[in-house]
Amino acid sequence: MSKALRRFALPVLGLCAVSLLALTAGFLTAAGPADNRAGPPEAEAPPPVTAVRGVIQQLNGDQVTLTTSSGGITVRLAPGSIIETLGATTTLHLAVGDDWLNVGAVGHPQTLFAINGLVVISEGPAP
C-alpha cells in the first residue's frame, strides 16, 4: 500500500467506524412498537357557541327561536343571560358621561384607519 493511499484510508476507516457506532447506538435506543401506545392525537372539540346573531321568530319562556344566516336555531337562555340589541341611533340620543362608544375600523392606505362601525353602550362598562 502506498503512503498516499494509507494517508487517505485511515481517516475514511475512522469515519466509517464512528458512523457504524452511531448507527448501532441509535438502533439500540430507539423506541419499539410497544413504546408507541399513545396513538394519533384526538381532534379538539369545537368551542361552545357564545354568540348568535339572528332575527327573533318566537319567544317561549327561556327559549328563543331565531332565523340566522345558516338557518333556524332554538337557543335556551341560562338564568342571568345578557341580551344585547342593535339599532339605529343619532348623536341626540347619546348621554355625556353615561354612554360608551366603541369604534370598529379597518386599515386604510391613505388614513391610518377607516371607520366601518360604531357601537353605543348605554349602561357603561360591564362590572
Protein backbone atom coordinates (compact mmCIF):
# COMPACT_ATOMS: atom_id res chain seq x y z
CA MET A 1 0.00 0.00 0.00
CA SER A 2 1.40 3.35 -0.96
CA LYS A 3 1.97 6.12 1.53
CA ALA A 4 -0.65 8.39 -0.11
CA LEU A 5 -3.27 5.61 -0.01
CA ARG A 6 -2.58 4.97 3.69
CA ARG A 7 -2.90 8.66 4.44
CA PHE A 8 -6.36 8.67 2.78
CA ALA A 9 -7.59 5.26 4.01
CA LEU A 10 -7.01 5.84 7.74
CA PRO A 11 -9.38 8.87 8.07
CA VAL A 12 -12.01 7.14 5.89
CA LEU A 13 -11.89 3.98 8.03
CA GLY A 14 -12.12 6.09 11.20
CA LEU A 15 -15.15 7.93 9.82
CA CYS A 16 -16.82 4.63 8.89
CA ALA A 17 -16.18 3.23 12.39
CA VAL A 18 -17.72 6.33 14.07
CA SER A 19 -20.74 6.16 11.73
CA LEU A 20 -21.26 2.47 12.48
CA LEU A 21 -21.04 3.16 16.21
CA ALA A 22 -23.61 5.98 15.97
CA LEU A 23 -25.95 3.79 13.89
CA THR A 24 -25.74 0.98 16.44
CA ALA A 25 -26.37 3.34 19.37
CA GLY A 26 -29.41 4.82 17.59
CA PHE A 27 -30.82 1.37 16.87
CA LEU A 28 -30.39 0.21 20.46
CA THR A 29 -32.03 3.32 21.99
CA ALA A 30 -34.93 3.67 19.52
CA ALA A 31 -38.47 3.17 20.82
CA GLY A 32 -40.05 -0.08 19.74
CA PRO A 33 -43.70 -0.69 18.79
CA ALA A 34 -44.65 -1.39 22.43
CA ASP A 35 -43.39 2.08 23.48
CA ASN A 36 -45.62 3.92 20.98
CA ARG A 37 -49.03 3.34 22.59
CA ALA A 38 -50.21 6.96 22.58
CA GLY A 39 -51.85 6.70 19.15
CA PRO A 40 -52.86 9.63 16.97
CA PRO A 41 -53.86 12.88 18.69
CA GLU A 42 -57.59 13.28 19.19
CA ALA A 43 -59.38 16.08 17.38
CA GLU A 44 -60.25 19.00 19.63
CA ALA A 45 -63.91 19.65 20.30
CA PRO A 46 -65.18 22.89 18.78
CA PRO A 47 -65.62 25.72 21.28
CA PRO A 48 -69.16 26.26 22.57
CA VAL A 49 -71.22 28.90 20.80
CA THR A 50 -71.23 32.05 22.89
CA ALA A 51 -72.85 34.49 20.47
CA VAL A 52 -75.60 34.06 17.91
CA ARG A 53 -76.86 36.71 15.51
CA GLY A 54 -80.33 36.34 14.06
CA VAL A 55 -83.91 37.59 13.81
CA ILE A 56 -86.25 36.54 16.61
CA GLN A 57 -89.10 34.40 15.32
CA GLN A 58 -90.59 33.11 18.58
CA LEU A 59 -90.23 33.54 22.36
CA ASN A 60 -91.27 30.72 24.69
CA GLY A 61 -90.16 31.08 28.31
CA ASP A 62 -86.37 30.67 28.36
CA GLN A 63 -86.23 29.56 24.70
CA VAL A 64 -85.74 31.90 21.74
CA THR A 65 -86.18 30.72 18.15
CA LEU A 66 -84.05 32.67 15.66
CA THR A 67 -83.53 32.77 11.92
CA THR A 68 -79.80 33.04 11.22
CA SER A 69 -77.74 33.19 8.05
CA SER A 70 -77.19 29.42 8.37
CA GLY A 71 -80.86 28.55 9.07
CA GLY A 72 -83.20 28.37 12.05
CA ILE A 73 -81.98 27.73 15.57
CA THR A 74 -83.58 27.50 19.02
CA VAL A 75 -81.50 28.80 21.91
CA ARG A 76 -82.17 28.11 25.59
CA LEU A 77 -81.13 31.07 27.71
CA ALA A 78 -79.42 30.48 31.03
CA PRO A 79 -80.62 32.50 34.03
CA GLY A 80 -78.88 35.87 34.04
CA SER A 81 -78.05 35.78 30.31
CA ILE A 82 -77.05 39.15 28.88
CA ILE A 83 -79.06 40.14 25.81
CA GLU A 84 -77.70 42.90 23.59
CA THR A 85 -79.68 44.78 20.97
CA LEU A 86 -78.51 46.75 17.96
CA GLY A 87 -80.44 49.61 16.49
CA ALA A 88 -80.06 52.88 14.70
CA THR A 89 -79.40 56.00 16.78
CA THR A 90 -78.22 59.58 16.41
CA THR A 91 -75.94 61.81 18.42
CA LEU A 92 -79.10 63.30 20.01
CA HIS A 93 -79.59 60.03 21.92
CA LEU A 94 -76.05 59.90 23.36
CA ALA A 95 -75.57 60.90 27.01
CA VAL A 96 -72.30 62.56 28.02
CA GLY A 97 -70.66 60.65 30.86
CA ASP A 98 -73.11 57.71 30.67
CA ASP A 99 -72.60 56.18 27.22
CA TRP A 100 -69.57 54.40 25.82
CA LEU A 101 -68.77 54.46 22.13
CA ASN A 102 -66.83 51.59 20.55
CA VAL A 103 -65.43 52.16 17.07
CA GLY A 104 -64.78 49.40 14.52
CA ALA A 105 -62.24 50.16 11.80
CA VAL A 106 -60.08 48.56 9.12
CA GLY A 107 -56.64 49.55 7.88
CA HIS A 108 -56.61 52.11 5.09
CA PRO A 109 -53.69 53.19 2.85
CA GLN A 110 -54.49 56.95 2.91
CA THR A 111 -55.55 57.26 6.53
CA LEU A 112 -54.45 55.09 9.40
CA PHE A 113 -57.91 53.51 9.75
CA ALA A 114 -61.30 53.70 8.02
CA ILE A 115 -64.24 53.53 10.45
CA ASN A 116 -66.78 50.90 9.44
CA GLY A 117 -68.96 50.68 12.53
CA LEU A 118 -69.93 52.38 15.78
CA VAL A 119 -71.45 50.69 18.82
CA VAL A 120 -73.06 52.65 21.65
CA ILE A 121 -73.04 51.01 25.07
CA SER A 122 -75.66 52.86 27.09
CA GLU A 123 -75.14 51.40 30.55
CA GLY A 124 -71.41 51.97 30.90
CA PRO A 125 -68.78 49.24 31.12
CA ALA A 126 -69.63 45.81 32.41
CA PRO A 127 -68.50 45.20 36.01
